Structures are given as structure tokens and as C-alpha cells.
Protein backbone atom coordinates (compact mmCIF):
# COMPACT_ATOMS: atom_id res chain seq x y z
CA UNK A 1 0.05 -0.11 -0.17
CA UNK A 2 2.63 2.61 0.68
CA UNK A 3 4.59 1.85 -2.46
CA UNK A 4 1.18 2.43 -3.93
CA UNK A 5 1.06 5.85 -2.59
CA UNK A 6 4.55 6.35 -3.08
CA UNK A 7 3.82 5.87 -7.10
CA UNK A 8 1.02 7.73 -7.14
CA UNK A 9 2.61 10.91 -4.95
CA UNK A 10 5.55 11.02 -7.84
CA UNK A 11 3.12 10.59 -10.71
CA UNK A 12 1.05 13.85 -9.30
CA UNK A 13 4.40 15.87 -8.87
CA UNK A 14 5.27 14.86 -12.17
CA UNK A 15 2.36 15.81 -14.18
CA UNK A 16 2.06 19.37 -11.80
CA UNK A 17 5.68 19.98 -12.92
CA UNK A 18 5.19 19.20 -16.93
CA UNK A 19 1.43 21.48 -16.27
CA UNK A 20 -0.12 18.45 -17.39
CA UNK A 21 -3.32 19.38 -15.91
CA UNK A 22 -5.86 17.77 -18.00
CA UNK A 23 -4.03 14.08 -17.34
CA UNK A 24 -4.05 15.18 -13.92
CA UNK A 25 -7.71 16.09 -13.57
CA UNK A 26 -8.27 12.33 -14.68
CA UNK A 27 -6.10 11.00 -12.49
CA UNK A 28 -7.97 12.56 -9.47
CA UNK A 29 -11.18 11.12 -10.85
CA UNK A 30 -10.06 7.56 -10.44
CA UNK A 31 -8.72 8.28 -6.97
CA UNK A 32 -10.60 7.64 -3.68
CA UNK A 33 -11.14 11.07 -1.81
CA UNK A 34 -9.48 9.85 1.28
CA UNK A 35 -6.53 9.07 -1.30
CA UNK A 36 -6.40 12.54 -2.68
CA UNK A 37 -6.48 14.14 1.04
CA UNK A 38 -3.54 11.84 1.98
CA UNK A 39 -1.77 13.60 -0.95
CA UNK A 40 -2.02 16.97 0.03
CA UNK A 41 0.09 16.20 3.31
CA UNK A 42 2.99 15.72 0.92
CA UNK A 43 2.77 18.82 -0.97
CA UNK A 44 3.35 22.64 -0.70
CA UNK A 45 1.15 25.11 -0.87
CA UNK A 46 1.50 25.82 -4.35
CA UNK A 47 1.18 22.13 -5.79
CA UNK A 48 -1.99 21.95 -3.25
CA UNK A 49 -3.43 24.94 -4.86
CA UNK A 50 -3.05 23.35 -8.45
CA UNK A 51 -4.59 20.01 -7.19
CA UNK A 52 -7.33 21.17 -5.52
CA UNK A 53 -8.32 23.50 -8.43
CA UNK A 54 -8.80 20.56 -10.55
CA UNK A 55 -10.89 18.80 -7.97
CA UNK A 56 -14.37 19.04 -9.83
CA UNK A 57 -16.46 17.35 -7.37
CA UNK A 58 -17.50 19.91 -4.08
CA UNK A 59 -18.45 17.00 -2.28
CA UNK A 60 -14.49 15.71 -2.57
CA UNK A 61 -13.14 19.15 -2.13
CA UNK A 62 -15.07 19.27 1.01
CA UNK A 63 -13.59 15.97 2.19
CA UNK A 64 -10.02 17.00 1.44
CA UNK A 65 -10.32 20.17 3.03
CA UNK A 66 -11.64 18.31 6.64
CA UNK A 67 -8.79 16.37 6.27
CA UNK A 68 -6.21 19.44 6.11
CA UNK A 69 -4.86 22.08 8.52
CA UNK A 70 -7.74 24.63 9.17
CA UNK A 71 -5.41 27.36 8.12
CA UNK A 72 -4.30 25.67 4.97
CA UNK A 73 -7.86 24.61 3.79
CA UNK A 74 -8.72 28.44 4.48
CA UNK A 75 -5.82 29.32 2.21
CA UNK A 76 -6.89 27.20 -0.67
CA UNK A 77 -10.50 28.38 -0.43
CA UNK A 78 -9.28 31.99 -0.58
CA UNK A 79 -8.11 31.69 -4.33
CA UNK A 80 -11.66 30.66 -5.61
CA UNK A 81 -14.60 32.72 -6.07
CA UNK A 82 -17.08 33.10 -3.38
CA UNK A 83 -20.07 31.12 -4.83
CA UNK A 84 -17.48 27.98 -5.24
CA UNK A 85 -16.29 28.71 -1.76
CA UNK A 86 -20.04 28.53 -0.58
CA UNK A 87 -20.85 25.33 -2.43
CA UNK A 88 -17.78 23.54 -0.80
CA UNK A 89 -18.42 24.59 3.01
CA UNK A 90 -21.91 23.82 2.48
CA UNK A 91 -20.81 19.74 1.95
CA UNK A 92 -19.08 20.20 5.00
CA UNK A 93 -19.96 19.20 8.45
CA UNK A 94 -20.55 22.55 10.41
CA UNK A 95 -17.99 22.05 12.90
CA UNK A 96 -15.64 21.62 9.86
CA UNK A 97 -16.79 24.44 8.22
CA UNK A 98 -16.61 26.49 11.18
CA UNK A 99 -12.95 25.57 11.41
CA UNK A 100 -12.25 26.70 8.26
CA UNK A 101 -13.98 30.12 8.48
CA UNK A 102 -12.16 30.75 11.75
CA UNK A 103 -8.96 31.17 9.77
CA UNK A 104 -10.49 33.35 6.93
CA UNK A 105 -10.19 37.27 6.78
CA UNK A 106 -13.21 38.85 8.89
CA UNK A 107 -14.48 40.50 5.47
CA UNK A 108 -14.38 37.04 3.46
CA UNK A 109 -16.01 35.07 6.19
CA UNK A 110 -18.86 37.56 6.70
CA UNK A 111 -19.58 37.43 2.91
CA UNK A 112 -19.47 33.94 2.85
CA UNK A 113 -22.08 33.87 5.91
CA UNK A 114 -24.24 36.11 3.52
CA UNK A 115 -24.22 34.12 0.61
CA UNK A 116 -25.02 30.94 2.55
CA UNK A 117 -28.56 29.50 3.14
CA UNK A 118 -30.25 30.73 6.21
CA UNK A 119 -30.25 27.44 7.89
CA UNK A 120 -26.56 26.60 7.10
CA UNK A 121 -25.39 30.22 8.19
CA UNK A 122 -27.58 30.38 11.66
CA UNK A 123 -25.92 26.85 12.49
CA UNK A 124 -22.47 28.15 11.97
CA UNK A 125 -22.80 31.59 13.54
CA UNK A 126 -23.93 29.58 16.36
CA UNK A 127 -20.78 27.83 16.20
CA UNK A 128 -18.73 30.51 15.73
CA UNK A 129 -19.93 32.02 18.79
CA UNK A 130 -18.26 29.58 20.88
CA UNK A 131 -14.39 29.82 21.42
CA UNK A 132 -12.45 27.79 19.07
CA UNK A 133 -10.73 25.76 21.66
CA UNK A 134 -13.89 24.47 23.68
CA UNK A 135 -16.15 21.65 23.43
CA UNK A 136 -18.71 24.28 21.81
CA UNK A 137 -16.40 25.19 19.32
CA UNK A 138 -15.53 21.64 18.22
CA UNK A 139 -19.16 20.03 18.57
CA UNK A 140 -21.32 18.75 15.67
CA UNK A 141 -25.09 20.05 15.81
CA UNK A 142 -26.50 17.62 13.45
CA UNK A 143 -27.54 15.05 16.31
CA UNK A 144 -30.01 12.37 16.84
CA UNK A 145 -32.21 12.52 20.20
CA UNK A 146 -35.36 11.07 21.45
CA UNK A 147 -38.19 12.04 23.82
CA UNK A 148 -38.18 10.22 26.96
CA UNK A 149 -41.70 9.16 27.02
CA UNK A 150 -41.55 7.23 23.84
CA UNK A 151 -41.38 3.31 23.50
CA UNK A 152 -38.57 1.17 22.40
CA UNK A 153 -40.49 0.33 18.82
CA UNK A 154 -41.37 3.94 18.32
CA UNK A 155 -37.48 4.69 18.98
CA UNK A 156 -36.35 2.10 16.24
CA UNK A 157 -39.03 3.83 13.91
CA UNK A 158 -37.78 7.54 14.37
CA UNK A 159 -34.17 6.13 13.86
CA UNK A 160 -34.86 4.45 10.43
CA UNK A 161 -36.45 8.21 9.45
CA UNK A 162 -33.57 9.63 10.49
CA UNK A 163 -31.72 11.92 7.83
CA UNK A 164 -27.96 12.91 7.74
CA UNK A 165 -26.78 12.99 11.44
CA UNK A 166 -23.81 12.58 13.37
CA UNK A 167 -23.27 9.24 14.47
CA UNK A 168 -26.35 7.28 16.01
CA UNK A 169 -24.16 4.78 18.25
CA UNK A 170 -25.32 6.39 21.50
CA UNK A 171 -28.90 7.56 21.29
CA UNK A 172 -29.44 10.46 23.69
CA UNK A 173 -32.99 11.06 25.56
CA UNK A 174 -34.43 14.21 26.49
CA UNK A 175 -37.64 15.69 28.13
CA UNK A 176 -40.06 17.84 26.62
CA UNK A 177 -37.53 20.92 27.19
CA UNK A 178 -34.74 19.34 25.37
CA UNK A 179 -32.91 18.75 28.72
CA UNK A 180 -30.42 15.77 28.37
CA UNK A 181 -31.76 13.20 30.97
CA UNK A 182 -30.36 9.68 29.86
CA UNK A 183 -28.61 7.97 27.35
CA UNK A 184 -28.75 4.38 25.71
CA UNK A 185 -26.96 2.28 23.03
CA UNK A 186 -28.50 0.51 20.03
CA UNK A 187 -27.81 -2.80 21.81
CA UNK A 188 -30.23 -1.67 24.60
CA UNK A 189 -32.89 -0.69 22.10
CA UNK A 190 -33.03 -3.74 20.32
CA UNK A 191 -33.10 -6.24 22.99
CA UNK A 192 -35.43 -4.57 25.23
CA UNK A 193 -39.51 -5.34 24.64
CA UNK A 194 -40.90 -3.06 21.86
CA UNK A 195 -43.61 -1.61 24.49
CA UNK A 196 -40.64 -0.46 27.10
CA UNK A 197 -40.57 3.43 27.56
CA UNK A 198 -37.32 4.81 27.17
CA UNK A 199 -37.11 6.01 30.48
CA UNK A 200 -37.38 2.69 32.04
CA UNK A 201 -34.43 1.52 30.64
CA UNK A 202 -32.12 4.51 29.65
CA UNK A 203 -28.84 5.45 31.75
CA UNK A 204 -29.39 8.27 33.47
CA UNK A 205 -26.00 9.12 34.95
CA UNK A 206 -24.72 10.64 31.82
CA UNK A 207 -21.32 11.89 31.24
CA UNK A 208 -21.50 15.17 29.43
CA UNK A 209 -19.54 18.32 28.91
CA UNK A 210 -20.74 22.05 29.06
CA UNK A 211 -20.25 24.56 25.75
CA UNK A 212 -17.07 26.17 27.38
CA UNK A 213 -15.14 23.09 28.67
CA UNK A 214 -11.44 23.11 27.37
CA UNK A 215 -11.04 20.74 24.24
CA UNK A 216 -8.08 19.07 26.11
CA UNK A 217 -10.27 18.16 29.05
CA UNK A 218 -12.80 16.86 26.59
CA UNK A 219 -10.26 14.55 25.08
CA UNK A 220 -9.52 13.06 28.51
CA UNK A 221 -12.82 12.55 29.25
CA UNK A 222 -13.51 10.76 26.19
CA UNK A 223 -10.19 8.73 26.51
CA UNK A 224 -10.89 7.61 30.55
CA UNK A 225 -14.22 6.55 29.64
CA UNK A 226 -13.61 4.68 26.56
CA UNK A 227 -16.72 6.85 24.95
CA UNK A 228 -17.72 7.01 21.24
CA UNK A 229 -18.97 10.64 21.50
CA UNK A 230 -19.70 13.01 24.01
CA UNK A 231 -22.96 15.36 24.59
CA UNK A 232 -22.48 19.01 24.76
CA UNK A 233 -24.94 20.98 26.98
CA UNK A 234 -25.82 24.27 28.00
CA UNK A 235 -25.83 25.93 31.72
CA UNK A 236 -29.54 24.77 31.59
CA UNK A 237 -28.72 21.20 30.80
CA UNK A 238 -30.09 21.68 27.23
CA UNK A 239 -28.70 19.05 24.65
CA UNK A 240 -26.87 21.43 21.91
CA UNK A 241 -24.75 18.97 20.08
CA UNK A 242 -22.05 15.95 20.62
CA UNK A 243 -18.03 15.69 20.24
CA UNK A 244 -17.17 12.47 18.33
CA UNK A 245 -14.34 10.27 18.76
CA UNK A 246 -13.07 11.39 15.66
CA UNK A 247 -12.80 15.06 16.81
CA UNK A 248 -11.18 14.18 20.22
CA UNK A 249 -8.45 12.33 17.73
CA UNK A 250 -7.88 15.94 15.87
CA UNK A 251 -7.73 17.53 19.02
CA UNK A 252 -5.31 15.08 20.54
CA UNK A 253 -3.34 15.26 17.43
CA UNK A 254 -3.61 19.08 17.15
CA UNK A 255 -2.52 19.64 21.01
CA UNK A 256 0.64 17.29 20.74
CA UNK A 257 1.86 18.83 17.33
CA UNK A 258 1.48 22.11 19.26
CA UNK A 259 3.31 20.90 22.61
CA UNK A 260 6.23 19.52 20.32
CA UNK A 261 6.63 22.72 18.44
CA UNK A 262 6.39 24.79 21.56
CA UNK A 263 9.20 22.39 23.07
CA UNK A 264 11.32 22.68 20.39
CA UNK A 265 11.32 26.58 20.64
CA UNK A 266 8.95 27.21 17.49
CA UNK A 267 5.28 27.32 16.63
CA UNK A 268 2.85 25.13 14.70
CA UNK A 269 2.39 28.30 12.38
CA UNK A 270 6.19 27.30 10.78
CA UNK A 271 4.07 24.61 8.67
CA UNK A 272 2.41 27.48 6.92
CA UNK A 273 5.41 29.09 5.58
CA UNK A 274 6.88 26.01 3.60
CA UNK A 275 10.40 26.62 2.72
CA UNK A 276 10.24 30.53 3.60
CA UNK A 277 13.48 30.92 5.76
CA UNK A 278 13.28 33.82 7.28
CA UNK A 279 9.74 33.66 8.27
CA UNK A 280 11.08 30.23 9.93
CA UNK A 281 13.71 31.84 11.48
CA UNK A 282 11.57 34.60 13.11
CA UNK A 283 9.44 32.14 15.04
CA UNK A 284 12.31 30.41 15.81
CA UNK A 285 14.95 33.12 16.95
CA UNK A 286 12.85 33.91 20.48
CA UNK A 287 13.99 31.10 22.41
CA UNK A 288 17.19 30.96 21.02
CA UNK A 289 17.83 34.82 22.23
CA UNK A 290 16.75 33.65 25.54
CA UNK A 291 19.40 30.71 25.44
CA UNK A 292 21.53 33.10 24.35
CA UNK A 293 21.44 35.34 27.42
CA UNK A 294 21.66 32.29 29.46
CA UNK A 295 24.94 31.56 27.68
CA UNK A 296 26.04 34.89 28.57
CA UNK A 297 24.99 34.46 32.29
CA UNK A 298 26.85 31.46 32.46
CA UNK A 299 30.05 32.95 30.98
CA UNK A 300 29.53 35.67 33.68
CA UNK A 301 29.23 33.01 36.29
CA UNK A 302 32.46 31.56 35.25
CA UNK A 303 34.17 34.74 35.30
CA UNK A 304 33.15 35.49 39.05
CA UNK A 305 34.81 32.47 39.82
CA UNK A 306 37.85 33.10 37.89
CA UNK A 307 40.16 33.02 40.90
CA UNK A 308 39.01 29.53 41.36
CA UNK A 309 39.54 28.73 37.81
CA UNK A 310 43.12 30.49 37.90
CA UNK A 311 44.31 27.98 40.53
CA UNK A 312 42.98 24.83 39.25
CA UNK A 313 42.63 25.21 35.50
CA UNK A 314 41.74 21.46 35.13
CA UNK A 315 38.04 22.28 36.41
CA UNK A 316 37.37 23.56 32.89
CA UNK A 317 37.93 20.22 31.20
CA UNK A 318 34.36 19.22 33.06
CA UNK A 319 32.37 22.36 32.59
CA UNK A 320 30.74 20.94 29.43
CA UNK A 321 29.93 17.41 31.03
CA UNK A 322 28.35 19.16 34.29
CA UNK A 323 26.12 21.75 32.10
CA UNK A 324 25.28 19.02 29.16
CA UNK A 325 24.04 16.09 31.76
CA UNK A 326 22.12 18.58 33.90
CA UNK A 327 20.48 20.13 30.70
CA UNK A 328 19.84 16.34 29.31
CA UNK A 329 18.18 15.57 32.69
CA UNK A 330 16.05 18.50 33.29
CA UNK A 331 14.99 17.99 29.47
CA UNK A 332 13.99 14.26 30.18
CA UNK A 333 11.93 15.46 33.25
CA UNK A 334 10.53 18.32 31.56
CA UNK A 335 9.10 16.18 28.67
CA UNK A 336 7.69 13.67 31.07
CA UNK A 337 5.61 16.18 32.97
CA UNK A 338 4.02 18.14 30.24
CA UNK A 339 3.38 15.00 28.36
CA UNK A 340 1.57 13.74 31.40
CA UNK A 341 -0.27 17.23 31.85
CA UNK A 342 -1.29 16.69 28.32
CA UNK A 343 -2.79 13.52 28.63
CA UNK A 344 -4.08 13.77 32.02
CA UNK A 345 -1.79 11.18 33.66
CA UNK A 346 -0.49 14.00 35.73
CA UNK A 347 -2.47 16.71 37.80
CA UNK A 348 -2.09 18.64 40.73
CA UNK A 349 -2.87 15.61 43.11
CA UNK A 350 -0.22 13.56 41.73
CA UNK A 351 2.34 16.22 41.38
CA UNK A 352 4.07 15.37 44.67
CA UNK A 353 4.42 12.10 44.14
CA UNK A 354 5.80 12.47 40.22
CA UNK A 355 8.23 15.53 41.80
CA UNK A 356 9.71 12.95 44.33
CA UNK A 357 9.83 10.19 42.04
CA UNK A 358 11.72 12.24 39.34
CA UNK A 359 13.93 13.38 42.26
CA UNK A 360 15.03 10.08 43.10
CA UNK A 361 15.43 9.24 39.37
CA UNK A 362 17.93 11.95 38.94
CA UNK A 363 19.73 11.38 41.98
CA UNK A 364 20.38 7.69 41.18
CA UNK A 365 21.30 9.04 37.54
CA UNK A 366 23.54 11.49 39.07
CA UNK A 367 25.30 8.50 41.33
CA UNK A 368 26.13 6.56 38.38
CA UNK A 369 27.33 9.54 36.20
CA UNK A 370 29.15 11.19 38.95
CA UNK A 371 30.99 7.97 40.07
CA UNK A 372 32.04 7.84 36.36
CA UNK A 373 33.09 11.21 35.89
CA UNK A 374 34.85 11.18 39.44
CA UNK A 375 36.88 8.07 38.10
CA UNK A 376 38.06 9.90 34.96
CA UNK A 377 38.88 12.86 36.55
CA UNK A 378 40.98 11.22 39.16
CA UNK A 379 42.85 8.93 36.59
CA UNK A 380 43.40 11.95 34.39
CA UNK A 381 44.55 14.68 36.64
CA UNK A 382 45.79 12.18 39.62
CA UNK A 383 43.71 14.24 42.36
CA UNK A 384 41.24 12.54 44.28
CA UNK A 385 39.57 15.78 45.57
CA UNK A 386 39.41 17.06 41.94
CA UNK A 387 37.46 13.45 41.18
CA UNK A 388 35.12 14.43 44.48
CA UNK A 389 34.21 17.70 43.17
CA UNK A 390 33.29 16.70 40.03
CA UNK A 391 31.00 13.66 41.65
CA UNK A 392 29.40 15.87 44.31
CA UNK A 393 28.59 18.69 41.56
CA UNK A 394 27.27 16.06 39.03
CA UNK A 395 25.06 14.37 41.68
CA UNK A 396 23.73 17.71 42.95
CA UNK A 397 23.48 19.23 39.55
CA UNK A 398 21.54 16.33 38.04
CA UNK A 399 18.88 15.90 41.13
CA UNK A 400 18.47 19.82 40.99
CA UNK A 401 17.80 19.44 37.32
CA UNK A 402 15.20 16.57 37.72
CA UNK A 403 13.37 18.92 40.36
CA UNK A 404 13.27 21.95 37.86
CA UNK A 405 12.19 19.73 34.99
CA UNK A 406 9.11 19.36 37.29
CA UNK A 407 8.80 22.59 38.89
CA UNK A 408 8.93 24.66 35.57
CA UNK A 409 6.19 23.23 33.98
CA UNK A 410 4.09 23.14 37.02
CA UNK A 411 4.88 26.80 37.31
CA UNK A 412 3.51 27.79 33.97
CA UNK A 413 0.45 25.36 34.46
CA UNK A 414 -0.42 27.32 37.78
CA UNK A 415 -0.53 30.61 35.75
CA UNK A 416 -2.45 28.84 32.83
CA UNK A 417 0.36 29.02 30.55
CA UNK A 418 1.05 25.87 28.25
CA UNK A 419 3.63 23.97 30.33
CA UNK A 420 5.52 22.96 26.78
CA UNK A 421 7.31 26.24 26.65
CA UNK A 422 8.97 25.00 29.96
CA UNK A 423 10.62 22.16 28.20
CA UNK A 424 14.08 22.01 26.22
CA UNK A 425 14.94 25.74 25.83
CA UNK A 426 13.93 27.07 29.44
CA UNK A 427 14.76 24.40 31.36
CA UNK A 428 18.20 24.00 29.34
CA UNK A 429 19.02 27.40 29.90
CA UNK A 430 18.24 27.35 33.56
CA UNK A 431 20.17 24.02 34.16
CA UNK A 432 22.88 25.29 32.49
CA UNK A 433 22.85 28.60 35.14
CA UNK A 434 22.57 26.25 38.23
CA UNK A 435 24.85 23.52 37.10
CA UNK A 436 27.55 26.34 36.86
CA UNK A 437 27.11 27.15 40.40
CA UNK A 438 26.85 23.92 41.88
CA UNK A 439 29.94 23.01 40.12
CA UNK A 440 32.12 26.36 40.84
CA UNK A 441 30.40 26.41 44.33
CA UNK A 442 31.87 23.00 45.39
CA UNK A 443 35.07 23.78 43.72
CA UNK A 444 35.79 26.86 45.81
CA UNK A 445 34.71 25.03 48.92
CA UNK A 446 37.58 22.17 48.35
CA UNK A 447 39.58 24.74 46.80
CA UNK A 448 42.41 24.15 49.10
CA UNK A 449 42.54 20.65 48.42
CA UNK A 450 42.65 21.27 44.84
CA UNK A 451 45.73 23.23 44.75
């Protein structure tokens, strides 16, 4: 399958380079929409635009857009006429259409909503009223619900008459005012006596979220309880929509990608710039400048200990080892904690045990590495006290680095800032500074034995 995709990708790129657009259109007409969407991930924006313009079926265009990054999808639509944009968006699920419209210029988005049919535009405007990263912003409003007083037989009949609605693996039950009062599965519906009212066998304890629940929390709930969908209600418990597992997968992928970019000191926005080196460099520079100043501070600290260095020049040889190992340990701990916060495995209730676990791990690794580097120092310079200094600094530095790897993300989490920014660049710089202070502080304490 992979080989087939590679051949298809090479064929498409070759036809684009040659400008053989009629042939390319014929190729697209024979490809499954899912395969077309998959191709877009390996093309730059210019190639995507060419390919997108050759898709004649608005339903296929809508499918492709729903599989792409929302900002990229908006860029692809902006190049075509407004009537075609409207036609494509009307083929999409409301929640997907909203994601695309959010990334359009305000004027264009307003024009598109005016062109759309009243029903479509009102649904989309309702979803646009919610914050983008909340349950309300990602929910689907095309849902199927049943009144609690009807029987199982009547429910099956209504289900057979249901039109194009979001998945019906779960059937949500409402009262006369549209309030969510229960849920049942298809299996339950088919196995009870036909005349049984829904209220008699539905599950009343429904796991639900409100419209302002953060999308990350929604994803955690779906994962924790192994749900295929989760209902979204307003403050009065009125059923407004559902978030399905496919939307949750998109959220988890989006959050993970965002975290990885932040941990690398960059931004997901970089994906939109393609090969534009200057714009990408502008995104990466802030953290690098932070590291640059951290390096200057580290150098200044070494200058403050110049008296120690002048008397024991051998100390210089172990500076890269002390700072490097501390940065590595801190980065490991920070990555574990950031990912733990993101997946829900770590929260404020488990933070204490996580902290002490990482400190113990850092201490054990410090003891092993400290013993090794201490023996190296002894063998190299023939000074037992130099080996002792390097060992103690390594043990202390790695223990402190592990603790900082937990505390830094937690600090940002407490401030409601994404803890991912506390990973590699931040922790690396902080541990370089503390590592130098520990190393030269220890060396100064034992100075009379090192000379």
C-alpha cells in the first residue's frame, strides 16, 4: 500500500511540474477521496492549490479540506470565487466548516455567511459564537435525540426515519424541554421488549460537558471512559450537540503537535511557511535569543569564579559535562511532566509523588554518572579531591535539574500558560546556570585541597 501511494505521489508531482493538468484531472477522478486528501500532506502550498483547483466535485473538495490543517484549508479556499467557496463549505459538517471560516479574513468570512442559505449560516454563526478550543467550538450540532416518553418500538421507527445526522451509536434521551436526561445504546434498544418506554431502561448518569469546557479536557474524558461520543449541554442542561471520537483524535493530534513545537522553541505556524527561511527563523529566534542570554549569564558566572579557575585550570575540562548532563536530565523530566499534563496522567493531586519520583531518578542517575566522571577525573589528573568535586557537582546538579524539570512546567501550568514552553529551551538554560553555580561553588569549597 505504501509503495502504491509513493508511485501515485510521484506521478502527481510529475504531472504538476509538466503542467499536464487535463491528465492530472483524469487521475484525480479515479482516486478515492481519502487518497487525494492523503496526497495533500506531501505537497507544498503551491502544489496543493493546483491540485485543489482540479477537483471538480465539491463533495470531494469538502472531504479534502476536512482532512487538512484549518489554516491551509482557508488559504486554498481564498483563491477561488465566493460561490464555489460557499458550495464547498455547505458540503462539510458544520463544525469542520466553522474551523475553516475561523481562519479566513473577517471580510471574506462575513461575505460567505451572507451567501449561504439561512439554515446553514445560522448553524455556523451559532458555533462561531463559542471559543475555538472549547467543546462548543468543536461540537457537531447535527444530532439525533429521542423523547423519554416514547417506547423502544417508536424509537426504532424514528431512527429509521432519521436523515443525515452525526453518528447514532449512542442515542441521547431528552425531556419535553430538550434537557438531556439519559442515554442508551443501540444494543439496549434492540434487546428490550418493544413496548418498554425509554425512561425505564435508559442510563440516567450521562457523562457530559458544557459548551465552555476546554477541548483538552473533553479529549481526556473520552479517553478515560472509552466513549465514542460525548454530549455537549448549555448551563441549563439543554442538549446542543456532541463531540465525536474522530474530533477528539484531531484535538489530541493538534495538542500534541502544538506541544512538540513549543518544546522545540518554535510554533505550528511554521508549517504554513513552507520553505520561507526568514519567516521560519523569526519564529525560532525568540527562544534561541533566550538561550543566548542564558549562555552569557553562564559565562559571567564562570568569570566570577575566575580566581578558582586560575588556581585549578583542570576544572574547565568538566564544565561541558556538568552543564550538558544537567540539561539532558532536566529536559527528560520536563518532557515527561508536560506530556503527563497533556494526557491527564499527571495533575495537581499526583504532582507531589511525581516530583519525588523524578528527584529520586535524578539522584540515582547522578550517582552513577558522578561516580564515572569522578573516576575519569582521578585517572586523568591524579587528584582525588578533583574527582570528589566533579562527582558531588554531578550528583547535585542532576538532582536539581530533575526537580526543575518538574517545577518549571508546573509553574507555567499554575499561571494557565501552556507548560510545553517550559521544556527544552527554558529548562536547558536554567540548568546551565544552576549547574555552573553548583560546580564552581563546590570547587571553591574544596579549593585548598585542589591546589
